[in-house]
Amino acid sequence: MNITYPIPLDALVAEMVTLLDERQREEFEERAGIIEYDAKIPRAHAECLALLNVLYRQPEIFTAIK
């Protein structure tokens, strides 16, 4: 299924999420939304924290980063 996601606000985060597969991207979007809502912080900060969380849980993603 091809889902269109919004482009993350931070340029580095936007670049890094292109390395995520569909499942990881869905996890990123869900976590960003939860963090933004629950912590009441700006979306850009929530996206950064969500990406860190996804990378922490799945460090194998780093092998694709050059």
C-alpha atoms as a PDB file:
ATOM      1  CA  MET A   1       0.000   0.000   0.000  1.00  0.00           C
ATOM      2  CA  ASN A   2       1.415   3.399  -0.949  1.00  0.00           C
ATOM      3  CA  ILE A   3       0.652   5.998   1.672  1.00  0.00           C
ATOM      4  CA  THR A   4       1.611   9.618   1.193  1.00  0.00           C
ATOM      5  CA  TYR A   5       3.184  11.019   4.329  1.00  0.00           C
ATOM      6  CA  PRO A   6       3.865  14.665   5.082  1.00  0.00           C
ATOM      7  CA  ILE A   7       7.437  15.835   4.621  1.00  0.00           C
ATOM      8  CA  PRO A   8       9.105  16.270   8.022  1.00  0.00           C
ATOM      9  CA  LEU A   9       9.800  19.879   8.931  1.00  0.00           C
ATOM     10  CA  ASP A  10      13.516  19.427   9.656  1.00  0.00           C
ATOM     11  CA  ALA A  11      15.650  18.877   6.541  1.00  0.00           C
ATOM     12  CA  LEU A  12      17.884  16.255   8.169  1.00  0.00           C
ATOM     13  CA  VAL A  13      14.908  14.318   9.511  1.00  0.00           C
ATOM     14  CA  ALA A  14      13.264  14.541   6.081  1.00  0.00           C
ATOM     15  CA  GLU A  15      16.383  13.078   4.483  1.00  0.00           C
ATOM     16  CA  MET A  16      16.741  10.310   7.043  1.00  0.00           C
ATOM     17  CA  VAL A  17      13.128   9.133   6.887  1.00  0.00           C
ATOM     18  CA  THR A  18      13.665   8.318   3.219  1.00  0.00           C
ATOM     19  CA  LEU A  19      15.784   5.407   4.506  1.00  0.00           C
ATOM     20  CA  LEU A  20      12.860   3.927   6.428  1.00  0.00           C
ATOM     21  CA  ASP A  21      10.748   1.156   5.009  1.00  0.00           C
ATOM     22  CA  GLU A  22       6.962   1.494   5.070  1.00  0.00           C
ATOM     23  CA  ARG A  23       6.556  -0.143   8.482  1.00  0.00           C
ATOM     24  CA  GLN A  24       9.297   1.996  10.022  1.00  0.00           C
ATOM     25  CA  ARG A  25       7.860   5.141   8.465  1.00  0.00           C
ATOM     26  CA  GLU A  26       4.439   4.346   9.897  1.00  0.00           C
ATOM     27  CA  GLU A  27       6.057   3.851  13.307  1.00  0.00           C
ATOM     28  CA  PHE A  28       7.863   7.184  12.927  1.00  0.00           C
ATOM     29  CA  GLU A  29       4.658   9.053  12.021  1.00  0.00           C
ATOM     30  CA  GLU A  30       2.700   7.464  14.859  1.00  0.00           C
ATOM     31  CA  ARG A  31       5.381   8.227  17.430  1.00  0.00           C
ATOM     32  CA  ALA A  32       5.773  11.799  16.199  1.00  0.00           C
ATOM     33  CA  GLY A  33       2.042  12.368  16.555  1.00  0.00           C
ATOM     34  CA  ILE A  34       1.917  10.860  20.028  1.00  0.00           C
ATOM     35  CA  ILE A  35       4.936  12.838  21.208  1.00  0.00           C
ATOM     36  CA  GLU A  36       3.586  16.080  19.744  1.00  0.00           C
ATOM     37  CA  TYR A  37       0.189  15.606  21.355  1.00  0.00           C
ATOM     38  CA  ASP A  38       1.177  14.152  24.725  1.00  0.00           C
ATOM     39  CA  ALA A  39       4.217  16.347  25.340  1.00  0.00           C
ATOM     40  CA  LYS A  40       2.624  19.421  23.747  1.00  0.00           C
ATOM     41  CA  ILE A  41       5.804  20.248  21.852  1.00  0.00           C
ATOM     42  CA  PRO A  42       6.225  21.577  18.303  1.00  0.00           C
ATOM     43  CA  ARG A  43       5.891  19.038  15.496  1.00  0.00           C
ATOM     44  CA  ALA A  44       9.499  19.526  14.351  1.00  0.00           C
ATOM     45  CA  HIS A  45      10.802  18.557  17.793  1.00  0.00           C
ATOM     46  CA  ALA A  46       8.418  15.623  17.990  1.00  0.00           C
ATOM     47  CA  GLU A  47       9.660  14.358  14.624  1.00  0.00           C
ATOM     48  CA  CYS A  48      13.280  14.512  15.801  1.00  0.00           C
ATOM     49  CA  LEU A  49      12.459  12.564  18.941  1.00  0.00           C
ATOM     50  CA  ALA A  50      10.377  10.050  16.996  1.00  0.00           C
ATOM     51  CA  LEU A  51      13.227   9.425  14.562  1.00  0.00           C
ATOM     52  CA  LEU A  52      15.654   8.892  17.423  1.00  0.00           C
ATOM     53  CA  ASN A  53      13.223   6.416  18.949  1.00  0.00           C
ATOM     54  CA  VAL A  54      12.839   4.455  15.714  1.00  0.00           C
ATOM     55  CA  LEU A  55      16.614   4.389  15.200  1.00  0.00           C
ATOM     56  CA  TYR A  56      17.167   3.287  18.793  1.00  0.00           C
ATOM     57  CA  ARG A  57      14.691   0.433  18.419  1.00  0.00           C
ATOM     58  CA  GLN A  58      16.013  -0.616  15.009  1.00  0.00           C
ATOM     59  CA  PRO A  59      19.731   0.215  14.786  1.00  0.00           C
ATOM     60  CA  GLU A  60      20.083  -1.814  11.592  1.00  0.00           C
ATOM     61  CA  ILE A  61      18.650   1.222   9.801  1.00  0.00           C
ATOM     62  CA  PHE A  62      22.071   2.833  10.304  1.00  0.00           C
ATOM     63  CA  THR A  63      23.629   0.398   7.843  1.00  0.00           C
ATOM     64  CA  ALA A  64      21.819   2.229   5.040  1.00  0.00           C
ATOM     65  CA  ILE A  65      23.232   5.625   6.046  1.00  0.00           C
ATOM     66  CA  LYS A  66      26.274   6.681   4.054  1.00  0.00           C
END
